[in-house]
């Protein structure tokens, strides 16, 4: 995965716009940042998911995903090593991040009957499965910190 491929994937989600934050590109939906790239260096990107989704991403592909250091990481900000990421796993992570930050009205067309992408061949779990399972578990208080 290259930075340009990451950019194209992030911008493929409805009503996503690219801006800059702290001197590196970010991607927003409804004015909220759901992903960035180029921090701490050009080999990395970041997706903002729930802590439970972050845990599932890190467990399924530890060579690709890792928590950002500090409080941001504890809140779900997840670093992505671009060269190790496949298009499918990154699309799943971006979809989870986009869904978390988009309005329910905006999310509906994306999640109703849309094909889902696999996070990894090893886990066989889909991005929609991971995102929905994580959110359900989070609502039930089953998160681990």
C-alpha atoms as a PDB file:
ATOM      1  CA  UNK A   1       0.000   0.000   0.000  1.00  0.00           C
ATOM      2  CA  UNK A   2       1.350   3.407  -0.936  1.00  0.00           C
ATOM      3  CA  UNK A   3       0.321   6.794   0.462  1.00  0.00           C
ATOM      4  CA  UNK A   4      -1.492   7.558  -2.803  1.00  0.00           C
ATOM      5  CA  UNK A   5      -3.397   4.267  -2.621  1.00  0.00           C
ATOM      6  CA  UNK A   6      -4.354   5.060   0.983  1.00  0.00           C
ATOM      7  CA  UNK A   7      -5.555   8.505  -0.139  1.00  0.00           C
ATOM      8  CA  UNK A   8      -7.682   7.004  -2.933  1.00  0.00           C
ATOM      9  CA  UNK A   9      -9.223   4.458  -0.537  1.00  0.00           C
ATOM     10  CA  UNK A  10     -10.016   7.071   2.107  1.00  0.00           C
ATOM     11  CA  UNK A  11     -11.561   9.413  -0.457  1.00  0.00           C
ATOM     12  CA  UNK A  12     -13.697   6.595  -1.911  1.00  0.00           C
ATOM     13  CA  UNK A  13     -16.115   6.833   1.035  1.00  0.00           C
ATOM     14  CA  UNK A  14     -19.159   9.110   0.587  1.00  0.00           C
ATOM     15  CA  UNK A  15     -18.768  12.791   1.435  1.00  0.00           C
ATOM     16  CA  UNK A  16     -15.151  12.401   2.503  1.00  0.00           C
ATOM     17  CA  UNK A  17     -12.900  15.395   2.132  1.00  0.00           C
ATOM     18  CA  UNK A  18      -9.159  15.788   2.488  1.00  0.00           C
ATOM     19  CA  UNK A  19      -7.760  18.596   4.618  1.00  0.00           C
ATOM     20  CA  UNK A  20      -4.565  19.128   6.589  1.00  0.00           C
ATOM     21  CA  UNK A  21      -4.045  18.824  10.320  1.00  0.00           C
ATOM     22  CA  UNK A  22      -0.733  19.325  12.118  1.00  0.00           C
ATOM     23  CA  UNK A  23       1.019  19.607   8.732  1.00  0.00           C
ATOM     24  CA  UNK A  24      -0.137  16.242   7.376  1.00  0.00           C
ATOM     25  CA  UNK A  25      -3.201  15.149   5.348  1.00  0.00           C
ATOM     26  CA  UNK A  26      -6.366  14.080   7.116  1.00  0.00           C
ATOM     27  CA  UNK A  27      -9.647  12.646   5.878  1.00  0.00           C
ATOM     28  CA  UNK A  28     -12.978  13.832   7.256  1.00  0.00           C
ATOM     29  CA  UNK A  29     -16.635  13.001   7.072  1.00  0.00           C
ATOM     30  CA  UNK A  30     -19.180  15.419   8.534  1.00  0.00           C
ATOM     31  CA  UNK A  31     -16.215  17.568   9.595  1.00  0.00           C
ATOM     32  CA  UNK A  32     -14.762  14.790  11.781  1.00  0.00           C
ATOM     33  CA  UNK A  33     -11.338  13.257  11.196  1.00  0.00           C
ATOM     34  CA  UNK A  34     -11.498   9.485  10.683  1.00  0.00           C
ATOM     35  CA  UNK A  35      -8.033   8.932   9.184  1.00  0.00           C
ATOM     36  CA  UNK A  36      -4.711  10.691   8.642  1.00  0.00           C
ATOM     37  CA  UNK A  37      -1.504   9.886   6.861  1.00  0.00           C
ATOM     38  CA  UNK A  38       2.116  10.852   7.154  1.00  0.00           C
ATOM     39  CA  UNK A  39       2.453  10.751  10.924  1.00  0.00           C
ATOM     40  CA  UNK A  40       4.849  10.102  12.541  1.00  0.00           C
ATOM     41  CA  UNK A  41       6.423   9.637   9.098  1.00  0.00           C
ATOM     42  CA  UNK A  42       5.425   8.984   5.493  1.00  0.00           C
ATOM     43  CA  UNK A  43       5.448   5.192   5.972  1.00  0.00           C
ATOM     44  CA  UNK A  44       2.420   5.334   8.286  1.00  0.00           C
ATOM     45  CA  UNK A  45      -1.226   6.319   8.371  1.00  0.00           C
ATOM     46  CA  UNK A  46      -3.794   6.326  11.166  1.00  0.00           C
ATOM     47  CA  UNK A  47      -7.440   5.267  11.466  1.00  0.00           C
ATOM     48  CA  UNK A  48      -9.703   6.355  14.336  1.00  0.00           C
ATOM     49  CA  UNK A  49     -11.772   3.352  15.445  1.00  0.00           C
ATOM     50  CA  UNK A  50     -13.195   2.266  18.788  1.00  0.00           C
ATOM     51  CA  UNK A  51     -10.803   0.715  21.321  1.00  0.00           C
ATOM     52  CA  UNK A  52     -12.485  -2.669  20.796  1.00  0.00           C
ATOM     53  CA  UNK A  53     -12.142  -2.393  17.005  1.00  0.00           C
ATOM     54  CA  UNK A  54      -8.511  -1.398  17.508  1.00  0.00           C
ATOM     55  CA  UNK A  55      -7.899  -4.490  19.613  1.00  0.00           C
ATOM     56  CA  UNK A  56      -9.453  -6.700  16.935  1.00  0.00           C
ATOM     57  CA  UNK A  57      -7.370  -5.090  14.163  1.00  0.00           C
ATOM     58  CA  UNK A  58      -4.132  -5.424  16.140  1.00  0.00           C
ATOM     59  CA  UNK A  59      -4.881  -9.055  17.009  1.00  0.00           C
ATOM     60  CA  UNK A  60      -5.768  -9.975  13.432  1.00  0.00           C
ATOM     61  CA  UNK A  61      -2.781  -8.227  11.786  1.00  0.00           C
ATOM     62  CA  UNK A  62      -0.098  -7.102  14.278  1.00  0.00           C
ATOM     63  CA  UNK A  63       2.428  -6.435  11.495  1.00  0.00           C
ATOM     64  CA  UNK A  64       0.033  -3.844  10.019  1.00  0.00           C
ATOM     65  CA  UNK A  65      -1.877  -2.268  12.915  1.00  0.00           C
ATOM     66  CA  UNK A  66      -0.667  -0.939  16.270  1.00  0.00           C
ATOM     67  CA  UNK A  67      -2.125   1.467  18.824  1.00  0.00           C
ATOM     68  CA  UNK A  68      -0.870   5.041  18.602  1.00  0.00           C
ATOM     69  CA  UNK A  69       1.150   5.902  21.704  1.00  0.00           C
ATOM     70  CA  UNK A  70      -0.484   7.624  24.659  1.00  0.00           C
ATOM     71  CA  UNK A  71      -4.036   8.781  25.236  1.00  0.00           C
ATOM     72  CA  UNK A  72      -4.901   8.943  21.534  1.00  0.00           C
ATOM     73  CA  UNK A  73      -4.080   5.255  21.200  1.00  0.00           C
ATOM     74  CA  UNK A  74      -6.182   4.347  24.236  1.00  0.00           C
ATOM     75  CA  UNK A  75      -9.095   6.130  22.544  1.00  0.00           C
ATOM     76  CA  UNK A  76      -8.790   3.977  19.402  1.00  0.00           C
ATOM     77  CA  UNK A  77      -6.324   5.841  17.184  1.00  0.00           C
ATOM     78  CA  UNK A  78      -4.569   3.044  15.334  1.00  0.00           C
ATOM     79  CA  UNK A  79      -1.335   3.332  13.382  1.00  0.00           C
ATOM     80  CA  UNK A  80      -1.094   1.563  10.013  1.00  0.00           C
ATOM     81  CA  UNK A  81       2.222   0.493   8.490  1.00  0.00           C
ATOM     82  CA  UNK A  82       1.342   1.176   4.857  1.00  0.00           C
ATOM     83  CA  UNK A  83       3.856  -1.139   3.160  1.00  0.00           C
ATOM     84  CA  UNK A  84       2.538  -4.119   5.172  1.00  0.00           C
ATOM     85  CA  UNK A  85      -1.170  -3.383   4.596  1.00  0.00           C
ATOM     86  CA  UNK A  86      -3.277  -5.059   1.959  1.00  0.00           C
ATOM     87  CA  UNK A  87      -5.986  -3.118   0.168  1.00  0.00           C
ATOM     88  CA  UNK A  88      -8.647  -5.389   1.673  1.00  0.00           C
ATOM     89  CA  UNK A  89      -7.547  -5.015   5.293  1.00  0.00           C
ATOM     90  CA  UNK A  90      -7.088  -1.279   4.954  1.00  0.00           C
ATOM     91  CA  UNK A  91     -10.476  -0.859   3.291  1.00  0.00           C
ATOM     92  CA  UNK A  92     -12.002  -2.689   6.267  1.00  0.00           C
ATOM     93  CA  UNK A  93     -10.230  -0.476   8.801  1.00  0.00           C
ATOM     94  CA  UNK A  94     -11.146   2.696   6.910  1.00  0.00           C
ATOM     95  CA  UNK A  95     -14.766   1.544   6.629  1.00  0.00           C
ATOM     96  CA  UNK A  96     -14.941   1.013  10.400  1.00  0.00           C
ATOM     97  CA  UNK A  97     -13.396   4.455  11.032  1.00  0.00           C
ATOM     98  CA  UNK A  98     -15.639   6.184   8.476  1.00  0.00           C
ATOM     99  CA  UNK A  99     -18.754   4.482   9.874  1.00  0.00           C
ATOM    100  CA  UNK A 100     -17.896   5.588  13.402  1.00  0.00           C
ATOM    101  CA  UNK A 101     -17.675   9.247  12.378  1.00  0.00           C
ATOM    102  CA  UNK A 102     -20.383   9.512   9.702  1.00  0.00           C
ATOM    103  CA  UNK A 103     -23.969  10.400  10.540  1.00  0.00           C
ATOM    104  CA  UNK A 104     -26.499   7.565  10.637  1.00  0.00           C
ATOM    105  CA  UNK A 105     -28.200   9.015   7.558  1.00  0.00           C
ATOM    106  CA  UNK A 106     -24.916   8.927   5.665  1.00  0.00           C
ATOM    107  CA  UNK A 107     -23.972   5.417   6.904  1.00  0.00           C
ATOM    108  CA  UNK A 108     -27.209   3.748   5.835  1.00  0.00           C
ATOM    109  CA  UNK A 109     -26.513   3.379   2.082  1.00  0.00           C
ATOM    110  CA  UNK A 110     -22.992   2.109   2.777  1.00  0.00           C
ATOM    111  CA  UNK A 111     -24.039  -0.625   5.192  1.00  0.00           C
ATOM    112  CA  UNK A 112     -27.334  -1.781   3.661  1.00  0.00           C
ATOM    113  CA  UNK A 113     -26.532  -4.656   1.361  1.00  0.00           C
ATOM    114  CA  UNK A 114     -23.064  -3.439   0.471  1.00  0.00           C
ATOM    115  CA  UNK A 115     -20.432  -6.118  -0.042  1.00  0.00           C
ATOM    116  CA  UNK A 116     -18.034  -6.476   2.849  1.00  0.00           C
ATOM    117  CA  UNK A 117     -14.290  -6.825   2.632  1.00  0.00           C
ATOM    118  CA  UNK A 118     -12.118  -9.286   4.540  1.00  0.00           C
ATOM    119  CA  UNK A 119      -9.721  -7.923   7.117  1.00  0.00           C
ATOM    120  CA  UNK A 120      -7.364 -10.789   6.490  1.00  0.00           C
ATOM    121  CA  UNK A 121      -7.304 -14.205   4.971  1.00  0.00           C
ATOM    122  CA  UNK A 122      -6.102 -15.580   8.317  1.00  0.00           C
ATOM    123  CA  UNK A 123      -9.038 -14.334  10.374  1.00  0.00           C
ATOM    124  CA  UNK A 124     -11.663 -14.593   7.656  1.00  0.00           C
ATOM    125  CA  UNK A 125     -13.586 -11.833   9.438  1.00  0.00           C
ATOM    126  CA  UNK A 126     -15.111  -9.032   7.455  1.00  0.00           C
ATOM    127  CA  UNK A 127     -14.778  -5.354   8.214  1.00  0.00           C
ATOM    128  CA  UNK A 128     -18.501  -5.056   8.802  1.00  0.00           C
ATOM    129  CA  UNK A 129     -18.433  -8.094  11.103  1.00  0.00           C
ATOM    130  CA  UNK A 130     -15.530  -6.683  13.101  1.00  0.00           C
ATOM    131  CA  UNK A 131     -17.033  -3.191  13.335  1.00  0.00           C
ATOM    132  CA  UNK A 132     -20.509  -4.336  14.326  1.00  0.00           C
ATOM    133  CA  UNK A 133     -19.256  -6.991  16.762  1.00  0.00           C
ATOM    134  CA  UNK A 134     -16.903  -4.508  18.386  1.00  0.00           C
ATOM    135  CA  UNK A 135     -19.587  -1.871  18.740  1.00  0.00           C
ATOM    136  CA  UNK A 136     -22.065  -4.364  20.213  1.00  0.00           C
ATOM    137  CA  UNK A 137     -19.461  -5.598  22.683  1.00  0.00           C
ATOM    138  CA  UNK A 138     -18.566  -2.015  23.554  1.00  0.00           C
ATOM    139  CA  UNK A 139     -22.216  -1.167  24.251  1.00  0.00           C
ATOM    140  CA  UNK A 140     -22.503  -4.216  26.479  1.00  0.00           C
ATOM    141  CA  UNK A 141     -19.492  -3.115  28.500  1.00  0.00           C
ATOM    142  CA  UNK A 142     -17.238  -5.930  27.325  1.00  0.00           C
ATOM    143  CA  UNK A 143     -14.344  -3.726  26.381  1.00  0.00           C
ATOM    144  CA  UNK A 144     -10.938  -4.392  27.848  1.00  0.00           C
ATOM    145  CA  UNK A 145      -8.548  -1.558  28.600  1.00  0.00           C
END
